[in-house]
Amino acid sequence: LVCMLELQINAYWAARPSHFVLLNAQKLRDTQHMMQQILLSLVHALYEGNPQPVFANTEKLNDAVEELRQLLNNHH
């Protein structure tokens, strides 16, 4: 989570216009929220030694990657 925040801060200062795109893109915010939930689920799974959530979240992660690729293609 700390690394994610650091990356967001760096992205903000590196490309401020891009930051406004991120703020106004509902899909990107939704995807970011979903990714945070998935990462928390994976951390919990690793802590417990239970691989099932990893397998369950693989499809969600693949969907998120595809959605982000589409957004990037539409933006360029």
PDB file of N, CA and C in Angstrom:
ATOM      1  N   LEU A   1       0.828  -1.187   0.000  1.00  0.00           N
ATOM      2  CA  LEU A   1       0.000   0.000   0.000  1.00  0.00           C
ATOM      3  C   LEU A   1       0.873   1.251   0.000  1.00  0.00           C
ATOM      4  N   VAL A   2       1.937   1.221   0.774  1.00  0.00           N
ATOM      5  CA  VAL A   2       2.846   2.373   0.824  1.00  0.00           C
ATOM      6  C   VAL A   2       3.484   2.601  -0.539  1.00  0.00           C
ATOM      7  N   CYS A   3       3.893   1.515  -1.188  1.00  0.00           N
ATOM      8  CA  CYS A   3       4.498   1.644  -2.519  1.00  0.00           C
ATOM      9  C   CYS A   3       3.497   2.218  -3.514  1.00  0.00           C
ATOM     10  N   MET A   4       2.226   1.785  -3.409  1.00  0.00           N
ATOM     11  CA  MET A   4       1.200   2.291  -4.313  1.00  0.00           C
ATOM     12  C   MET A   4       1.018   3.790  -4.125  1.00  0.00           C
ATOM     13  N   LEU A   5       0.995   4.234  -2.881  1.00  0.00           N
ATOM     14  CA  LEU A   5       0.856   5.662  -2.611  1.00  0.00           C
ATOM     15  C   LEU A   5       2.056   6.443  -3.130  1.00  0.00           C
ATOM     16  N   GLU A   6       3.233   5.874  -2.953  1.00  0.00           N
ATOM     17  CA  GLU A   6       4.438   6.540  -3.445  1.00  0.00           C
ATOM     18  C   GLU A   6       4.402   6.667  -4.960  1.00  0.00           C
ATOM     19  N   LEU A   7       3.971   5.619  -5.639  1.00  0.00           N
ATOM     20  CA  LEU A   7       3.866   5.671  -7.095  1.00  0.00           C
ATOM     21  C   LEU A   7       2.838   6.709  -7.540  1.00  0.00           C
ATOM     22  N   GLN A   8       1.735   6.809  -6.816  1.00  0.00           N
ATOM     23  CA  GLN A   8       0.718   7.801  -7.161  1.00  0.00           C
ATOM     24  C   GLN A   8       1.247   9.217  -6.980  1.00  0.00           C
ATOM     25  N   ILE A   9       1.978   9.442  -5.913  1.00  0.00           N
ATOM     26  CA  ILE A   9       2.549  10.772  -5.680  1.00  0.00           C
ATOM     27  C   ILE A   9       3.552  11.110  -6.776  1.00  0.00           C
ATOM     28  N   ASN A  10       4.406  10.155  -7.119  1.00  0.00           N
ATOM     29  CA  ASN A  10       5.379  10.388  -8.182  1.00  0.00           C
ATOM     30  C   ASN A  10       4.691  10.642  -9.513  1.00  0.00           C
ATOM     31  N   ALA A  11       3.633   9.903  -9.793  1.00  0.00           N
ATOM     32  CA  ALA A  11       2.896  10.104 -11.041  1.00  0.00           C
ATOM     33  C   ALA A  11       2.256  11.486 -11.069  1.00  0.00           C
ATOM     34  N   TYR A  12       1.760  11.930  -9.930  1.00  0.00           N
ATOM     35  CA  TYR A  12       1.142  13.251  -9.858  1.00  0.00           C
ATOM     36  C   TYR A  12       2.140  14.342 -10.223  1.00  0.00           C
ATOM     37  N   TRP A  13       3.298  14.292  -9.642  1.00  0.00           N
ATOM     38  CA  TRP A  13       4.271  15.349  -9.893  1.00  0.00           C
ATOM     39  C   TRP A  13       4.977  15.185 -11.224  1.00  0.00           C
ATOM     40  N   ALA A  14       5.061  13.971 -11.732  1.00  0.00           N
ATOM     41  CA  ALA A  14       5.735  13.756 -13.013  1.00  0.00           C
ATOM     42  C   ALA A  14       4.869  14.225 -14.175  1.00  0.00           C
ATOM     43  N   ALA A  15       3.575  14.043 -14.062  1.00  0.00           N
ATOM     44  CA  ALA A  15       2.691  14.388 -15.170  1.00  0.00           C
ATOM     45  C   ALA A  15       1.354  14.874 -14.615  1.00  0.00           C
ATOM     46  N   ARG A  16       1.320  16.117 -14.247  1.00  0.00           N
ATOM     47  CA  ARG A  16       0.110  16.640 -13.623  1.00  0.00           C
ATOM     48  C   ARG A  16      -1.117  16.554 -14.525  1.00  0.00           C
ATOM     49  N   PRO A  17      -1.007  16.833 -15.828  1.00  0.00           N
ATOM     50  CA  PRO A  17      -2.198  16.674 -16.679  1.00  0.00           C
ATOM     51  C   PRO A  17      -2.731  15.237 -16.668  1.00  0.00           C
ATOM     52  N   SER A  18      -1.826  14.273 -16.621  1.00  0.00           N
ATOM     53  CA  SER A  18      -2.257  12.876 -16.552  1.00  0.00           C
ATOM     54  C   SER A  18      -2.988  12.602 -15.248  1.00  0.00           C
ATOM     55  N   HIS A  19      -2.580  13.278 -14.200  1.00  0.00           N
ATOM     56  CA  HIS A  19      -3.242  13.100 -12.909  1.00  0.00           C
ATOM     57  C   HIS A  19      -4.712  13.521 -12.999  1.00  0.00           C
ATOM     58  N   PHE A  20      -4.984  14.609 -13.714  1.00  0.00           N
ATOM     59  CA  PHE A  20      -6.369  15.047 -13.865  1.00  0.00           C
ATOM     60  C   PHE A  20      -7.177  14.050 -14.687  1.00  0.00           C
ATOM     61  N   VAL A  21      -6.541  13.415 -15.651  1.00  0.00           N
ATOM     62  CA  VAL A  21      -7.213  12.349 -16.402  1.00  0.00           C
ATOM     63  C   VAL A  21      -7.600  11.229 -15.451  1.00  0.00           C
ATOM     64  N   LEU A  22      -6.673  10.848 -14.574  1.00  0.00           N
ATOM     65  CA  LEU A  22      -6.954   9.782 -13.612  1.00  0.00           C
ATOM     66  C   LEU A  22      -8.086  10.169 -12.663  1.00  0.00           C
ATOM     67  N   LEU A  23      -8.090  11.400 -12.218  1.00  0.00           N
ATOM     68  CA  LEU A  23      -9.127  11.835 -11.288  1.00  0.00           C
ATOM     69  C   LEU A  23     -10.511  11.798 -11.918  1.00  0.00           C
ATOM     70  N   ASN A  24     -10.577  12.073 -13.211  1.00  0.00           N
ATOM     71  CA  ASN A  24     -11.866  12.166 -13.884  1.00  0.00           C
ATOM     72  C   ASN A  24     -12.297  10.877 -14.564  1.00  0.00           C
ATOM     73  N   ALA A  25     -11.491   9.851 -14.501  1.00  0.00           N
ATOM     74  CA  ALA A  25     -11.816   8.581 -15.152  1.00  0.00           C
ATOM     75  C   ALA A  25     -12.409   7.623 -14.119  1.00  0.00           C
ATOM     76  N   GLN A  26     -13.714   7.485 -14.155  1.00  0.00           N
ATOM     77  CA  GLN A  26     -14.402   6.629 -13.189  1.00  0.00           C
ATOM     78  C   GLN A  26     -13.925   5.186 -13.286  1.00  0.00           C
ATOM     79  N   LYS A  27     -13.729   4.695 -14.511  1.00  0.00           N
ATOM     80  CA  LYS A  27     -13.282   3.309 -14.668  1.00  0.00           C
ATOM     81  C   LYS A  27     -11.920   3.084 -14.032  1.00  0.00           C
ATOM     82  N   LEU A  28     -11.041   4.044 -14.168  1.00  0.00           N
ATOM     83  CA  LEU A  28      -9.720   3.897 -13.562  1.00  0.00           C
ATOM     84  C   LEU A  28      -9.817   3.871 -12.044  1.00  0.00           C
ATOM     85  N   ARG A  29     -10.661   4.723 -11.487  1.00  0.00           N
ATOM     86  CA  ARG A  29     -10.838   4.711 -10.029  1.00  0.00           C
ATOM     87  C   ARG A  29     -11.449   3.395  -9.568  1.00  0.00           C
ATOM     88  N   ASP A  30     -12.437   2.915 -10.325  1.00  0.00           N
ATOM     89  CA  ASP A  30     -13.050   1.630  -9.973  1.00  0.00           C
ATOM     90  C   ASP A  30     -12.036   0.500 -10.052  1.00  0.00           C
ATOM     91  N   THR A  31     -11.213   0.536 -11.094  1.00  0.00           N
ATOM     92  CA  THR A  31     -10.193  -0.502 -11.258  1.00  0.00           C
ATOM     93  C   THR A  31      -9.173  -0.428 -10.137  1.00  0.00           C
ATOM     94  N   GLN A  32      -8.780   0.774  -9.751  1.00  0.00           N
ATOM     95  CA  GLN A  32      -7.830   0.928  -8.656  1.00  0.00           C
ATOM     96  C   GLN A  32      -8.408   0.364  -7.360  1.00  0.00           C
ATOM     97  N   HIS A  33      -9.678   0.653  -7.103  1.00  0.00           N
ATOM     98  CA  HIS A  33     -10.322   0.125  -5.896  1.00  0.00           C
ATOM     99  C   HIS A  33     -10.368  -1.404  -5.944  1.00  0.00           C
ATOM    100  N   MET A  34     -10.720  -1.950  -7.108  1.00  0.00           N
ATOM    101  CA  MET A  34     -10.778  -3.398  -7.256  1.00  0.00           C
ATOM    102  C   MET A  34      -9.399  -4.018  -7.040  1.00  0.00           C
ATOM    103  N   MET A  35      -8.371  -3.387  -7.585  1.00  0.00           N
ATOM    104  CA  MET A  35      -7.011  -3.908  -7.427  1.00  0.00           C
ATOM    105  C   MET A  35      -6.595  -3.896  -5.955  1.00  0.00           C
ATOM    106  N   GLN A  36      -6.959  -2.861  -5.236  1.00  0.00           N
ATOM    107  CA  GLN A  36      -6.638  -2.808  -3.810  1.00  0.00           C
ATOM    108  C   GLN A  36      -7.310  -3.955  -3.069  1.00  0.00           C
ATOM    109  N   GLN A  37      -8.571  -4.218  -3.396  1.00  0.00           N
ATOM    110  CA  GLN A  37      -9.286  -5.311  -2.741  1.00  0.00           C
ATOM    111  C   GLN A  37      -8.658  -6.663  -3.073  1.00  0.00           C
ATOM    112  N   ILE A  38      -8.269  -6.835  -4.328  1.00  0.00           N
ATOM    113  CA  ILE A  38      -7.635  -8.092  -4.742  1.00  0.00           C
ATOM    114  C   ILE A  38      -6.308  -8.276  -4.024  1.00  0.00           C
ATOM    115  N   LEU A  39      -5.521  -7.204  -3.950  1.00  0.00           N
ATOM    116  CA  LEU A  39      -4.226  -7.304  -3.277  1.00  0.00           C
ATOM    117  C   LEU A  39      -4.394  -7.634  -1.797  1.00  0.00           C
ATOM    118  N   LEU A  40      -5.378  -7.034  -1.153  1.00  0.00           N
ATOM    119  CA  LEU A  40      -5.636  -7.361   0.249  1.00  0.00           C
ATOM    120  C   LEU A  40      -6.041  -8.822   0.406  1.00  0.00           C
ATOM    121  N   SER A  41      -6.832  -9.311  -0.520  1.00  0.00           N
ATOM    122  CA  SER A  41      -7.245 -10.714  -0.491  1.00  0.00           C
ATOM    123  C   SER A  41      -6.041 -11.631  -0.673  1.00  0.00           C
ATOM    124  N   LEU A  42      -5.142 -11.252  -1.583  1.00  0.00           N
ATOM    125  CA  LEU A  42      -3.943 -12.064  -1.817  1.00  0.00           C
ATOM    126  C   LEU A  42      -3.018 -12.057  -0.605  1.00  0.00           C
ATOM    127  N   VAL A  43      -2.873 -10.904   0.027  1.00  0.00           N
ATOM    128  CA  VAL A  43      -2.041 -10.817   1.230  1.00  0.00           C
ATOM    129  C   VAL A  43      -2.601 -11.720   2.318  1.00  0.00           C
ATOM    130  N   HIS A  44      -3.902 -11.674   2.492  1.00  0.00           N
ATOM    131  CA  HIS A  44      -4.552 -12.517   3.499  1.00  0.00           C
ATOM    132  C   HIS A  44      -4.347 -13.997   3.163  1.00  0.00           C
ATOM    133  N   ALA A  45      -4.460 -14.345   1.878  1.00  0.00           N
ATOM    134  CA  ALA A  45      -4.274 -15.736   1.451  1.00  0.00           C
ATOM    135  C   ALA A  45      -2.848 -16.201   1.713  1.00  0.00           C
ATOM    136  N   LEU A  46      -1.885 -15.347   1.421  1.00  0.00           N
ATOM    137  CA  LEU A  46      -0.486 -15.708   1.662  1.00  0.00           C
ATOM    138  C   LEU A  46      -0.214 -15.866   3.152  1.00  0.00           C
ATOM    139  N   TYR A  47      -0.794 -14.996   3.947  1.00  0.00           N
ATOM    140  CA  TYR A  47      -0.606 -15.059   5.392  1.00  0.00           C
ATOM    141  C   TYR A  47      -1.154 -16.367   5.952  1.00  0.00           C
ATOM    142  N   GLU A  48      -2.305 -16.796   5.435  1.00  0.00           N
ATOM    143  CA  GLU A  48      -2.924 -18.025   5.919  1.00  0.00           C
ATOM    144  C   GLU A  48      -2.365 -19.281   5.253  1.00  0.00           C
ATOM    145  N   GLY A  49      -1.638 -19.107   4.149  1.00  0.00           N
ATOM    146  CA  GLY A  49      -1.123 -20.263   3.422  1.00  0.00           C
ATOM    147  C   GLY A  49      -2.189 -20.967   2.601  1.00  0.00           C
ATOM    148  N   ASN A  50      -3.216 -20.235   2.237  1.00  0.00           N
ATOM    149  CA  ASN A  50      -4.329 -20.792   1.474  1.00  0.00           C
ATOM    150  C   ASN A  50      -4.273 -20.261   0.041  1.00  0.00           C
ATOM    151  N   PRO A  51      -3.972 -21.106  -0.951  1.00  0.00           N
ATOM    152  CA  PRO A  51      -3.829 -20.621  -2.326  1.00  0.00           C
ATOM    153  C   PRO A  51      -5.153 -20.386  -3.058  1.00  0.00           C
ATOM    154  N   GLN A  52      -6.278 -20.801  -2.504  1.00  0.00           N
ATOM    155  CA  GLN A  52      -7.555 -20.689  -3.217  1.00  0.00           C
ATOM    156  C   GLN A  52      -7.895 -19.253  -3.629  1.00  0.00           C
ATOM    157  N   PRO A  53      -7.759 -18.255  -2.765  1.00  0.00           N
ATOM    158  CA  PRO A  53      -8.063 -16.889  -3.203  1.00  0.00           C
ATOM    159  C   PRO A  53      -7.166 -16.420  -4.351  1.00  0.00           C
ATOM    160  N   VAL A  54      -5.958 -16.936  -4.410  1.00  0.00           N
ATOM    161  CA  VAL A  54      -5.059 -16.565  -5.507  1.00  0.00           C
ATOM    162  C   VAL A  54      -5.662 -17.024  -6.820  1.00  0.00           C
ATOM    163  N   PHE A  55      -6.120 -18.265  -6.854  1.00  0.00           N
ATOM    164  CA  PHE A  55      -6.721 -18.798  -8.070  1.00  0.00           C
ATOM    165  C   PHE A  55      -8.027 -18.076  -8.394  1.00  0.00           C
ATOM    166  N   ALA A  56      -8.803 -17.767  -7.378  1.00  0.00           N
ATOM    167  CA  ALA A  56     -10.080 -17.084  -7.586  1.00  0.00           C
ATOM    168  C   ALA A  56      -9.875 -15.671  -8.121  1.00  0.00           C
ATOM    169  N   ASN A  57      -8.807 -15.010  -7.699  1.00  0.00           N
ATOM    170  CA  ASN A  57      -8.574 -13.627  -8.118  1.00  0.00           C
ATOM    171  C   ASN A  57      -7.822 -13.509  -9.434  1.00  0.00           C
ATOM    172  N   THR A  58      -7.294 -14.604  -9.946  1.00  0.00           N
ATOM    173  CA  THR A  58      -6.552 -14.555 -11.207  1.00  0.00           C
ATOM    174  C   THR A  58      -7.429 -14.032 -12.332  1.00  0.00           C
ATOM    175  N   GLU A  59      -8.656 -14.501 -12.403  1.00  0.00           N
ATOM    176  CA  GLU A  59      -9.563 -14.043 -13.458  1.00  0.00           C
ATOM    177  C   GLU A  59      -9.870 -12.558 -13.303  1.00  0.00           C
ATOM    178  N   LYS A  60     -10.083 -12.105 -12.082  1.00  0.00           N
ATOM    179  CA  LYS A  60     -10.344 -10.682 -11.843  1.00  0.00           C
ATOM    180  C   LYS A  60      -9.147  -9.839 -12.262  1.00  0.00           C
ATOM    181  N   LEU A  61      -7.953 -10.314 -11.935  1.00  0.00           N
ATOM    182  CA  LEU A  61      -6.748  -9.577 -12.317  1.00  0.00           C
ATOM    183  C   LEU A  61      -6.608  -9.507 -13.833  1.00  0.00           C
ATOM    184  N   ASN A  62      -6.867 -10.614 -14.510  1.00  0.00           N
ATOM    185  CA  ASN A  62      -6.792 -10.625 -15.973  1.00  0.00           C
ATOM    186  C   ASN A  62      -7.814  -9.671 -16.581  1.00  0.00           C
ATOM    187  N   ASP A  63      -9.021  -9.634 -16.015  1.00  0.00           N
ATOM    188  CA  ASP A  63     -10.042  -8.701 -16.495  1.00  0.00           C
ATOM    189  C   ASP A  63      -9.601  -7.256 -16.287  1.00  0.00           C
ATOM    190  N   ALA A  64      -8.999  -6.980 -15.141  1.00  0.00           N
ATOM    191  CA  ALA A  64      -8.531  -5.620 -14.853  1.00  0.00           C
ATOM    192  C   ALA A  64      -7.428  -5.212 -15.820  1.00  0.00           C
ATOM    193  N   VAL A  65      -6.523  -6.123 -16.109  1.00  0.00           N
ATOM    194  CA  VAL A  65      -5.435  -5.832 -17.053  1.00  0.00           C
ATOM    195  C   VAL A  65      -6.003  -5.523 -18.430  1.00  0.00           C
ATOM    196  N   GLU A  66      -6.959  -6.318 -18.872  1.00  0.00           N
ATOM    197  CA  GLU A  66      -7.567  -6.093 -20.185  1.00  0.00           C
ATOM    198  C   GLU A  66      -8.296  -4.756 -20.237  1.00  0.00           C
ATOM    199  N   GLU A  67      -8.997  -4.426 -19.176  1.00  0.00           N
ATOM    200  CA  GLU A  67      -9.712  -3.155 -19.128  1.00  0.00           C
ATOM    201  C   GLU A  67      -8.744  -1.975 -19.168  1.00  0.00           C
ATOM    202  N   LEU A  68      -7.650  -2.077 -18.433  1.00  0.00           N
ATOM    203  CA  LEU A  68      -6.653  -1.003 -18.455  1.00  0.00           C
ATOM    204  C   LEU A  68      -5.999  -0.876 -19.821  1.00  0.00           C
ATOM    205  N   ARG A  69      -5.764  -1.986 -20.477  1.00  0.00           N
ATOM    206  CA  ARG A  69      -5.201  -1.930 -21.840  1.00  0.00           C
ATOM    207  C   ARG A  69      -6.156  -1.224 -22.794  1.00  0.00           C
ATOM    208  N   GLN A  70      -7.434  -1.513 -22.671  1.00  0.00           N
ATOM    209  CA  GLN A  70      -8.425  -0.847 -23.517  1.00  0.00           C
ATOM    210  C   GLN A  70      -8.452   0.652 -23.248  1.00  0.00           C
ATOM    211  N   LEU A  71      -8.377   1.027 -21.982  1.00  0.00           N
ATOM    212  CA  LEU A  71      -8.352   2.452 -21.643  1.00  0.00           C
ATOM    213  C   LEU A  71      -7.123   3.140 -22.226  1.00  0.00           C
ATOM    214  N   LEU A  72      -5.986   2.469 -22.147  1.00  0.00           N
ATOM    215  CA  LEU A  72      -4.761   3.034 -22.720  1.00  0.00           C
ATOM    216  C   LEU A  72      -4.880   3.185 -24.229  1.00  0.00           C
ATOM    217  N   ASN A  73      -5.428   2.183 -24.881  1.00  0.00           N
ATOM    218  CA  ASN A  73      -5.595   2.258 -26.334  1.00  0.00           C
ATOM    219  C   ASN A  73      -6.558   3.370 -26.724  1.00  0.00           C
ATOM    220  N   ASN A  74      -7.615   3.566 -25.953  1.00  0.00           N
ATOM    221  CA  ASN A  74      -8.578   4.631 -26.239  1.00  0.00           C
ATOM    222  C   ASN A  74      -7.986   6.009 -25.982  1.00  0.00           C
ATOM    223  N   HIS A  75      -7.081   6.087 -25.016  1.00  0.00           N
ATOM    224  CA  HIS A  75      -6.481   7.377 -24.661  1.00  0.00           C
ATOM    225  C   HIS A  75      -5.464   7.825 -25.706  1.00  0.00           C
ATOM    226  N   HIS A  76      -4.805   6.888 -26.343  1.00  0.00           N
ATOM    227  CA  HIS A  76      -3.789   7.231 -27.345  1.00  0.00           C
ATOM    228  C   HIS A  76      -4.425   7.237 -28.669  1.00  0.00           C
TER     229      HIS A  76
END
